[in-house]
Amino acid sequence: MYKKHFVCNLVMGLCFATLSPNSEAVQNLRFNDHISAWGGLAVIHAWMPAPQRGESLIYLTIRNRSSTPAVLRSMMAEFADSMQLVGFQYVDGQVRYVPVEPFPIESGATLILEPYGLAVSVTGVSKSFVSGDVVDMEIKFARGTFPVRVTVEPADATTHRNAGHTH
């Protein structure tokens, strides 16, 4: 399903090169692995409130330390029917998230998806999740597909359990 890739655990200072996401080493990178890194890109602190009525939003940070822009193409996960990048709007007293077209994350830039800003909309969630669960998703960039682990927080969460520290 996934191509060979780099999975770096920057917290522990370890880097496992060219491992399959189904390999024992990757499966054992449980959640001190809130960082996925590959090809100069890093996805940090991916999290979502526990889905309600089959929907949720995923928040994360993408750092582009590569020498070229990274273009986010799509997101997918086995637990959801659809995922798309959305932006927060407040119109006529109503909160809405509207689709956002893909755009480049410039070299050296950081893109933060957070509540009341940009997010990944997740619909058609087919399973029940509770706080502390970890689910897998993929982010497709123009240069390849990137596996990401997402921590489930309480349904009313507005921040993740690792808030307040940096990488």
Foldseek 3Di string as FASTA:
>chain_A
DFFFWKFDLVVVPDIDGRDDCPDPVNVPCPPSRQWGDTQQKIKHAWAWAWDDPFKIWIWIKIFRQHQAWKKWDAKFFPQFPGKAKWFWDQDPNDIDTHGDHIDTQGHGHMDTDFPNGITIITGHGNDGDAAQDKGWMWIAIPVGITIHIYGYHHNPDRDDPPPDDDD
